[in-house]
Amino acid sequence: MSALSTASRPPPHPPLRRVLLVKTSSLGDVVHNLPVVDDLHRALPGVTVDWLVEQAFAEVPALHPAVHEVIPCALRRWRSRPWAAESRSGWRGMRARLSAHPYDLVVDTQGLLKSALLARLATGPRAGFDRASVREPLATRFYQQLYPVPRTLHALERNRQLVALAAGYSLDGPPSYGLQLRDGTSAAGGAGMDVDGDWDGRSPFAVLLHATARAEKLWPESAWIALGRALHDRLGLRAVIPWGSDSERARAERLAAAIAGARVPPRGGLADLARGLAQAAVVIGVDTGLLHLASAVGVRCIGIYVATDPARNGLYPASVGLNLGGVSSVPGPDEVLAAVVQVTAGQAA
């Protein structure tokens, strides 16, 4: 569902000049909030859009040229060291930026108590999901405008519908992520950009996103090795295997050692990863934020789901690739390889 029905069309709304989006984490959630920015600018030409986000993910909204100001926070670090000078300074700086100017609308698409409290620091009417729609019902105490959005929808469409209702416009057309990676180059046209040698286009490659924050979402290493070997031997694709922590690097190196031609690139920031992902022939990943970042930069993707429901958090829209598996349904290497052949041939639905 990508458009509001006539029955649910929002009432007339006063003109909005400046809007604050509150979507702090995680990476996948932040990526799924990007289409809201394009929606706002299509519906409200000239609107200024700011975004409050966890510092670890601030590079993502910064890649969208229509985001005016990215306001970072670091709640986890600040909470762990509340009396440290860095924490106090960071908190003061965030509050100063939030109160620097009034907003015509503050929308919390996160729906958590912590994000609702952060939204309360800004000046302007606060909007969020109603009690039946929100992730943490206590958050609704801090919103002045509450809107119903079905929980059965994909997370991306929930974000779009909430902001459309709060800002008083109807959704028109499919979602657009709107990213620009460098020097005005759109994400969808990223191939051939000058990036690190392990990500360049000297030979076609597939990115294997093996890492995720929850162990139950992992795909077996033996399956990754079988897939990587088949990609190399049957499709001529070398594997590039990124990592983000010491344990992930160790697993990436184990996989690379068992797959001919595989490479483990240096660790980079999210903007660097986005540029690297944009070079790939295909990106294959478990339920992780980087998989959604890959889809946002216009790369064909395969999502491997083993413990979560792709209907709510899978690759979206379907045209970017294929979702395989689901709760207690683990796809095998042959199924994933067949999906790779399908999407790289341009046959994905």
Protein backbone atom coordinates (compact mmCIF):
# COMPACT_ATOMS: atom_id res chain seq x y z
CA MET A 1 0.00 0.00 0.00
CA SER A 2 1.68 3.21 -1.12
CA ALA A 3 -1.12 5.77 -1.15
CA LEU A 4 -3.72 6.97 1.28
CA SER A 5 -7.29 6.12 0.35
CA THR A 6 -9.82 8.89 -0.14
CA ALA A 7 -11.47 7.93 3.16
CA SER A 8 -8.21 8.36 5.08
CA ARG A 9 -7.10 11.54 3.32
CA PRO A 10 -5.94 14.07 5.92
CA PRO A 11 -7.80 17.32 6.57
CA PRO A 12 -6.43 20.68 5.32
CA HIS A 13 -3.27 21.68 7.13
CA PRO A 14 -1.66 25.10 7.67
CA PRO A 15 1.36 25.73 5.40
CA LEU A 16 4.53 24.10 6.73
CA ARG A 17 7.85 25.85 6.31
CA ARG A 18 10.12 23.75 8.54
CA VAL A 19 9.71 20.11 9.62
CA LEU A 20 11.81 18.01 11.99
CA LEU A 21 11.95 14.25 11.49
CA VAL A 22 12.90 12.17 14.51
CA LYS A 23 14.20 8.77 13.41
CA THR A 24 17.23 7.93 15.47
CA SER A 25 18.09 4.29 14.77
CA SER A 26 18.77 1.59 13.70
CA LEU A 27 20.39 1.69 10.25
CA GLY A 28 17.55 -0.11 8.49
CA ASP A 29 14.96 2.10 10.18
CA VAL A 30 16.86 5.22 9.15
CA VAL A 31 17.05 4.03 5.52
CA HIS A 32 13.32 3.29 5.55
CA ASN A 33 12.66 6.88 6.61
CA LEU A 34 14.47 8.41 3.62
CA PRO A 35 11.44 8.36 1.26
CA VAL A 36 9.62 10.67 3.68
CA VAL A 37 12.01 13.46 2.67
CA ASP A 38 11.11 13.17 -1.00
CA ASP A 39 7.41 12.93 -0.12
CA LEU A 40 7.59 16.16 1.86
CA HIS A 41 9.37 18.07 -0.90
CA ARG A 42 6.98 16.84 -3.58
CA ALA A 43 3.93 17.75 -1.53
CA LEU A 44 5.29 20.94 0.04
CA PRO A 45 7.73 22.67 -2.35
CA GLY A 46 10.21 24.84 -0.49
CA VAL A 47 9.81 23.09 2.88
CA THR A 48 12.93 22.80 5.04
CA VAL A 49 13.50 19.31 6.47
CA ASP A 50 15.81 18.65 9.42
CA TRP A 51 16.53 15.20 10.89
CA LEU A 52 17.45 14.10 14.41
CA VAL A 53 19.42 10.83 14.28
CA GLU A 54 21.92 8.77 16.24
CA GLN A 55 25.45 9.88 15.44
CA ALA A 56 26.40 6.37 14.27
CA PHE A 57 23.88 6.68 11.40
CA ALA A 58 24.13 10.42 10.67
CA GLU A 59 25.96 9.84 7.38
CA VAL A 60 22.81 8.33 5.84
CA PRO A 61 20.42 11.32 5.98
CA ALA A 62 23.42 13.51 5.12
CA LEU A 63 23.55 11.72 1.75
CA HIS A 64 20.09 13.09 0.90
CA PRO A 65 20.47 16.52 -0.72
CA ALA A 66 17.03 17.65 0.47
CA VAL A 67 17.85 17.21 4.17
CA HIS A 68 18.78 20.70 5.34
CA GLU A 69 20.34 19.90 8.71
CA VAL A 70 21.31 16.60 10.30
CA ILE A 71 21.25 16.87 14.11
CA PRO A 72 23.19 13.99 15.68
CA CYS A 73 22.70 12.55 19.14
CA ALA A 74 24.59 9.80 20.96
CA LEU A 75 22.19 8.64 23.66
CA ARG A 76 23.82 5.27 24.27
CA ARG A 77 27.25 6.79 24.80
CA TRP A 78 25.89 9.69 26.83
CA ARG A 79 23.91 7.35 29.09
CA SER A 80 26.97 5.16 29.71
CA ARG A 81 29.03 8.19 30.83
CA PRO A 82 26.47 10.81 31.91
CA TRP A 83 28.91 12.98 33.86
CA ALA A 84 31.73 12.97 31.31
CA ALA A 85 32.56 16.35 29.80
CA GLU A 86 32.04 14.96 26.30
CA SER A 87 28.56 13.71 27.20
CA ARG A 88 27.48 16.98 28.80
CA SER A 89 28.85 18.97 25.89
CA GLY A 90 27.17 16.72 23.34
CA TRP A 91 23.82 16.94 25.11
CA ARG A 92 24.01 20.74 25.35
CA GLY A 93 24.96 21.01 21.70
CA MET A 94 22.06 18.84 20.57
CA ARG A 95 19.56 20.79 22.67
CA ALA A 96 20.90 24.09 21.34
CA ARG A 97 20.49 22.96 17.73
CA LEU A 98 16.96 21.66 18.39
CA SER A 99 15.91 24.96 19.99
CA ALA A 100 17.70 27.22 17.49
CA HIS A 101 14.46 27.78 15.56
CA PRO A 102 10.82 26.75 15.91
CA TYR A 103 9.36 23.96 13.79
CA ASP A 104 5.95 23.96 12.21
CA LEU A 105 5.85 20.20 12.75
CA VAL A 106 7.94 17.61 14.63
CA VAL A 107 7.22 14.01 13.60
CA ASP A 108 8.55 11.05 15.57
CA THR A 109 8.48 8.09 13.18
CA GLN A 110 10.49 5.98 15.65
CA GLY A 111 7.63 5.49 18.08
CA LEU A 112 9.73 4.81 21.17
CA LEU A 113 9.74 6.53 24.54
CA LYS A 114 13.30 7.77 24.03
CA SER A 115 12.52 9.24 20.61
CA ALA A 116 9.35 10.89 21.94
CA LEU A 117 11.35 12.50 24.74
CA LEU A 118 13.90 13.76 22.22
CA ALA A 119 11.11 15.18 20.05
CA ARG A 120 9.84 17.06 23.12
CA LEU A 121 13.11 19.04 23.21
CA ALA A 122 12.24 20.73 19.92
CA THR A 123 9.87 23.69 19.66
CA GLY A 124 6.76 22.90 17.65
CA PRO A 125 3.71 20.64 17.55
CA ARG A 126 4.67 16.98 17.98
CA ALA A 127 3.07 14.17 16.00
CA GLY A 128 3.36 10.40 16.23
CA PHE A 129 1.58 7.08 15.94
CA ASP A 130 -1.52 6.57 18.06
CA ARG A 131 -1.60 4.04 20.87
CA ALA A 132 -2.71 1.15 18.67
CA SER A 133 0.00 1.88 16.09
CA VAL A 134 3.03 2.89 18.14
CA ARG A 135 5.85 0.55 19.21
CA GLU A 136 5.92 1.79 22.82
CA PRO A 137 2.50 3.10 23.99
CA LEU A 138 4.04 5.35 26.66
CA ALA A 139 5.51 7.46 23.86
CA THR A 140 2.04 8.75 22.97
CA ARG A 141 1.94 10.82 26.18
CA PHE A 142 4.44 13.20 24.58
CA TYR A 143 2.69 13.70 21.22
CA GLN A 144 0.11 16.41 20.62
CA GLN A 145 -1.17 14.85 17.40
CA LEU A 146 -1.86 11.09 17.16
CA TYR A 147 -2.47 9.18 13.93
CA PRO A 148 -3.50 5.58 13.21
CA VAL A 149 -1.27 3.65 10.81
CA PRO A 150 -1.71 -0.12 10.36
CA ARG A 151 1.05 -2.13 12.01
CA THR A 152 0.77 -4.74 9.24
CA LEU A 153 2.29 -2.38 6.67
CA HIS A 154 5.96 -2.44 5.76
CA ALA A 155 8.02 -0.12 7.99
CA LEU A 156 8.77 2.21 5.08
CA GLU A 157 5.09 2.72 4.30
CA ARG A 158 4.27 3.25 7.97
CA ASN A 159 6.74 6.14 8.02
CA ARG A 160 5.34 7.62 4.82
CA GLN A 161 1.74 7.40 5.96
CA LEU A 162 2.40 8.89 9.39
CA VAL A 163 4.15 11.95 7.98
CA ALA A 164 1.56 12.40 5.23
CA LEU A 165 -1.24 12.40 7.81
CA ALA A 166 0.62 14.77 10.12
CA ALA A 167 1.64 17.18 7.35
CA GLY A 168 -1.72 17.13 5.60
CA TYR A 169 -0.97 15.70 2.16
CA SER A 170 -1.86 12.55 0.24
CA LEU A 171 0.80 10.15 -0.94
CA ASP A 172 1.37 10.10 -4.66
CA GLY A 173 3.51 7.47 -6.35
CA PRO A 174 6.06 4.89 -5.22
CA PRO A 175 8.77 5.65 -2.64
CA SER A 176 11.99 7.36 -3.69
CA TYR A 177 15.10 7.18 -1.51
CA GLY A 178 16.69 10.23 -3.15
CA LEU A 179 20.32 9.60 -2.18
CA GLN A 180 23.29 11.32 -3.79
CA LEU A 181 26.66 9.69 -3.23
CA ARG A 182 29.20 12.20 -4.51
CA ASP A 183 29.40 15.40 -6.55
CA GLY A 184 25.72 15.34 -7.46
CA THR A 185 25.80 11.74 -8.72
CA SER A 186 22.59 9.95 -7.89
CA ALA A 187 22.85 6.63 -6.10
CA ALA A 188 21.20 4.73 -8.90
CA GLY A 189 23.92 5.91 -11.29
CA GLY A 190 26.83 5.20 -8.99
CA ALA A 191 28.76 2.63 -11.04
CA GLY A 192 32.24 3.72 -11.98
CA MET A 193 32.82 6.12 -9.09
CA ASP A 194 36.33 6.35 -7.68
CA VAL A 195 36.23 4.38 -4.43
CA ASP A 196 38.62 2.16 -2.54
CA GLY A 197 40.39 -0.47 -4.68
CA ASP A 198 38.53 -3.30 -2.98
CA TRP A 199 35.25 -1.82 -4.19
CA ASP A 200 36.17 -0.71 -7.71
CA GLY A 201 34.79 -2.02 -10.99
CA ARG A 202 37.85 -3.88 -12.28
CA SER A 203 35.83 -7.10 -12.26
CA PRO A 204 32.20 -7.83 -11.41
CA PHE A 205 31.60 -8.60 -7.77
CA ALA A 206 28.88 -9.60 -5.33
CA VAL A 207 28.75 -8.20 -1.80
CA LEU A 208 28.04 -10.74 0.93
CA LEU A 209 26.48 -9.09 3.98
CA HIS A 210 26.94 -11.87 6.52
CA ALA A 211 26.72 -9.83 9.74
CA THR A 212 23.74 -8.79 11.84
CA ALA A 213 23.23 -7.63 15.40
CA ARG A 214 21.10 -10.63 16.39
CA ALA A 215 22.61 -14.11 16.24
CA GLU A 216 19.31 -15.75 15.29
CA LYS A 217 19.34 -13.79 12.00
CA LEU A 218 22.68 -15.25 10.86
CA TRP A 219 23.00 -17.58 7.89
CA PRO A 220 25.41 -20.53 8.41
CA GLU A 221 29.01 -19.96 7.37
CA SER A 222 28.91 -23.21 5.37
CA ALA A 223 26.03 -21.75 3.31
CA TRP A 224 27.96 -18.53 2.64
CA ILE A 225 30.99 -20.52 1.51
CA ALA A 226 28.93 -22.70 -0.84
CA LEU A 227 27.23 -19.61 -2.27
CA GLY A 228 30.49 -17.67 -2.65
CA ARG A 229 32.13 -20.54 -4.50
CA ALA A 230 29.15 -20.92 -6.84
CA LEU A 231 29.09 -17.18 -7.56
CA HIS A 232 32.77 -17.34 -8.51
CA ASP A 233 32.77 -20.61 -10.45
CA ARG A 234 29.42 -20.37 -12.22
CA LEU A 235 28.74 -16.64 -12.57
CA GLY A 236 32.23 -15.13 -12.54
CA LEU A 237 31.49 -12.90 -9.56
CA ARG A 238 34.14 -12.40 -6.92
CA ALA A 239 32.92 -11.90 -3.36
CA VAL A 240 33.48 -8.72 -1.36
CA ILE A 241 32.79 -9.33 2.33
CA PRO A 242 32.47 -6.20 4.54
CA TRP A 243 32.60 -6.16 8.32
CA GLY A 244 31.97 -3.75 11.19
CA SER A 245 33.38 -5.32 14.37
CA ASP A 246 36.27 -7.57 15.35
CA SER A 247 34.07 -10.67 15.44
CA GLU A 248 32.57 -9.80 12.06
CA ARG A 249 36.03 -9.26 10.61
CA ALA A 250 37.13 -12.68 11.86
CA ARG A 251 34.11 -14.31 10.22
CA ALA A 252 34.65 -12.33 7.00
CA GLU A 253 38.25 -13.51 6.85
CA ARG A 254 37.21 -17.12 7.42
CA LEU A 255 34.73 -16.88 4.57
CA ALA A 256 37.21 -15.16 2.26
CA ALA A 257 39.85 -17.81 2.95
CA ALA A 258 37.43 -20.48 1.71
CA ILE A 259 36.13 -18.62 -1.39
CA ALA A 260 38.38 -18.14 -4.43
CA GLY A 261 38.95 -14.48 -5.33
CA ALA A 262 37.13 -13.13 -2.27
CA ARG A 263 38.23 -9.88 -0.64
CA VAL A 264 37.70 -8.32 2.78
CA PRO A 265 37.73 -4.52 2.34
CA PRO A 266 38.96 -2.10 4.99
CA ARG A 267 36.37 -0.88 7.44
CA GLY A 268 34.77 2.38 6.30
CA GLY A 269 32.02 4.77 7.22
CA LEU A 270 28.47 4.44 5.98
CA ALA A 271 29.03 6.88 3.11
CA ASP A 272 32.03 4.82 1.96
CA LEU A 273 29.97 1.64 2.24
CA ALA A 274 27.18 3.21 0.20
CA ARG A 275 29.64 4.08 -2.57
CA GLY A 276 31.07 0.57 -2.47
CA LEU A 277 27.68 -1.11 -2.52
CA ALA A 278 26.70 1.00 -5.53
CA GLN A 279 29.46 -0.70 -7.55
CA ALA A 280 28.22 -4.25 -6.96
CA ALA A 281 26.52 -6.47 -9.51
CA VAL A 282 24.37 -7.81 -6.68
CA VAL A 283 24.23 -7.56 -2.88
CA ILE A 284 23.22 -10.60 -0.85
CA GLY A 285 22.56 -10.18 2.84
CA VAL A 286 20.79 -11.31 5.95
CA ASP A 287 18.30 -9.05 7.75
CA THR A 288 20.67 -6.12 8.32
CA GLY A 289 20.60 -2.39 7.78
CA LEU A 290 23.34 -2.51 5.15
CA LEU A 291 21.08 -4.61 2.93
CA HIS A 292 18.49 -1.82 2.98
CA LEU A 293 21.22 0.75 2.33
CA ALA A 294 22.21 -1.27 -0.75
CA SER A 295 18.63 -1.24 -2.02
CA ALA A 296 18.47 2.53 -1.41
CA VAL A 297 21.50 3.11 -3.66
CA GLY A 298 19.80 1.22 -6.48
CA VAL A 299 21.60 -2.13 -6.44
CA ARG A 300 19.85 -5.44 -7.08
CA CYS A 301 19.60 -7.29 -3.77
CA ILE A 302 18.76 -10.67 -2.31
CA GLY A 303 17.51 -10.73 1.28
CA ILE A 304 18.02 -13.90 3.32
CA TYR A 305 15.54 -14.11 6.19
CA VAL A 306 15.70 -16.90 8.75
CA ALA A 307 14.10 -15.45 11.91
CA THR A 308 12.11 -12.37 10.86
CA ASP A 309 9.20 -11.57 8.55
CA PRO A 310 10.25 -9.86 5.30
CA ALA A 311 6.68 -8.63 4.77
CA ARG A 312 7.30 -5.96 7.42
CA ASN A 313 11.04 -5.36 7.21
CA GLY A 314 12.21 -6.94 3.96
CA LEU A 315 13.58 -5.33 0.81
CA TYR A 316 11.09 -2.73 -0.40
CA PRO A 317 9.77 -2.11 -2.97
CA ALA A 318 9.90 -5.54 -4.60
CA SER A 319 11.55 -4.13 -7.73
CA VAL A 320 14.89 -3.82 -5.93
CA GLY A 321 15.31 -7.59 -5.59
CA LEU A 322 13.96 -10.64 -3.85
CA ASN A 323 13.25 -11.63 -0.26
CA LEU A 324 13.88 -15.29 0.56
CA GLY A 325 12.90 -17.28 3.64
CA GLY A 326 11.20 -16.04 6.78
CA VAL A 327 10.56 -17.11 10.34
CA SER A 328 11.91 -20.67 10.72
CA SER A 329 12.31 -20.91 6.94
CA VAL A 330 15.98 -20.98 5.98
CA PRO A 331 16.79 -20.79 2.24
CA GLY A 332 19.69 -22.89 0.97
CA PRO A 333 22.64 -21.79 -1.20
CA ASP A 334 21.05 -23.18 -4.38
CA GLU A 335 17.87 -21.17 -3.81
CA VAL A 336 19.88 -18.01 -3.21
CA LEU A 337 22.03 -18.62 -6.30
CA ALA A 338 18.90 -19.06 -8.44
CA ALA A 339 17.61 -15.74 -7.09
CA VAL A 340 20.91 -14.05 -7.99
CA VAL A 341 20.59 -15.32 -11.55
CA GLN A 342 17.02 -14.00 -11.67
CA VAL A 343 17.70 -10.49 -10.42
CA THR A 344 20.93 -9.97 -12.36
CA ALA A 345 19.04 -10.96 -15.50
CA GLY A 346 16.48 -8.22 -14.71
CA GLN A 347 13.69 -10.70 -14.12
CA ALA A 348 12.83 -9.81 -10.48
CA ALA A 349 9.26 -8.79 -9.87
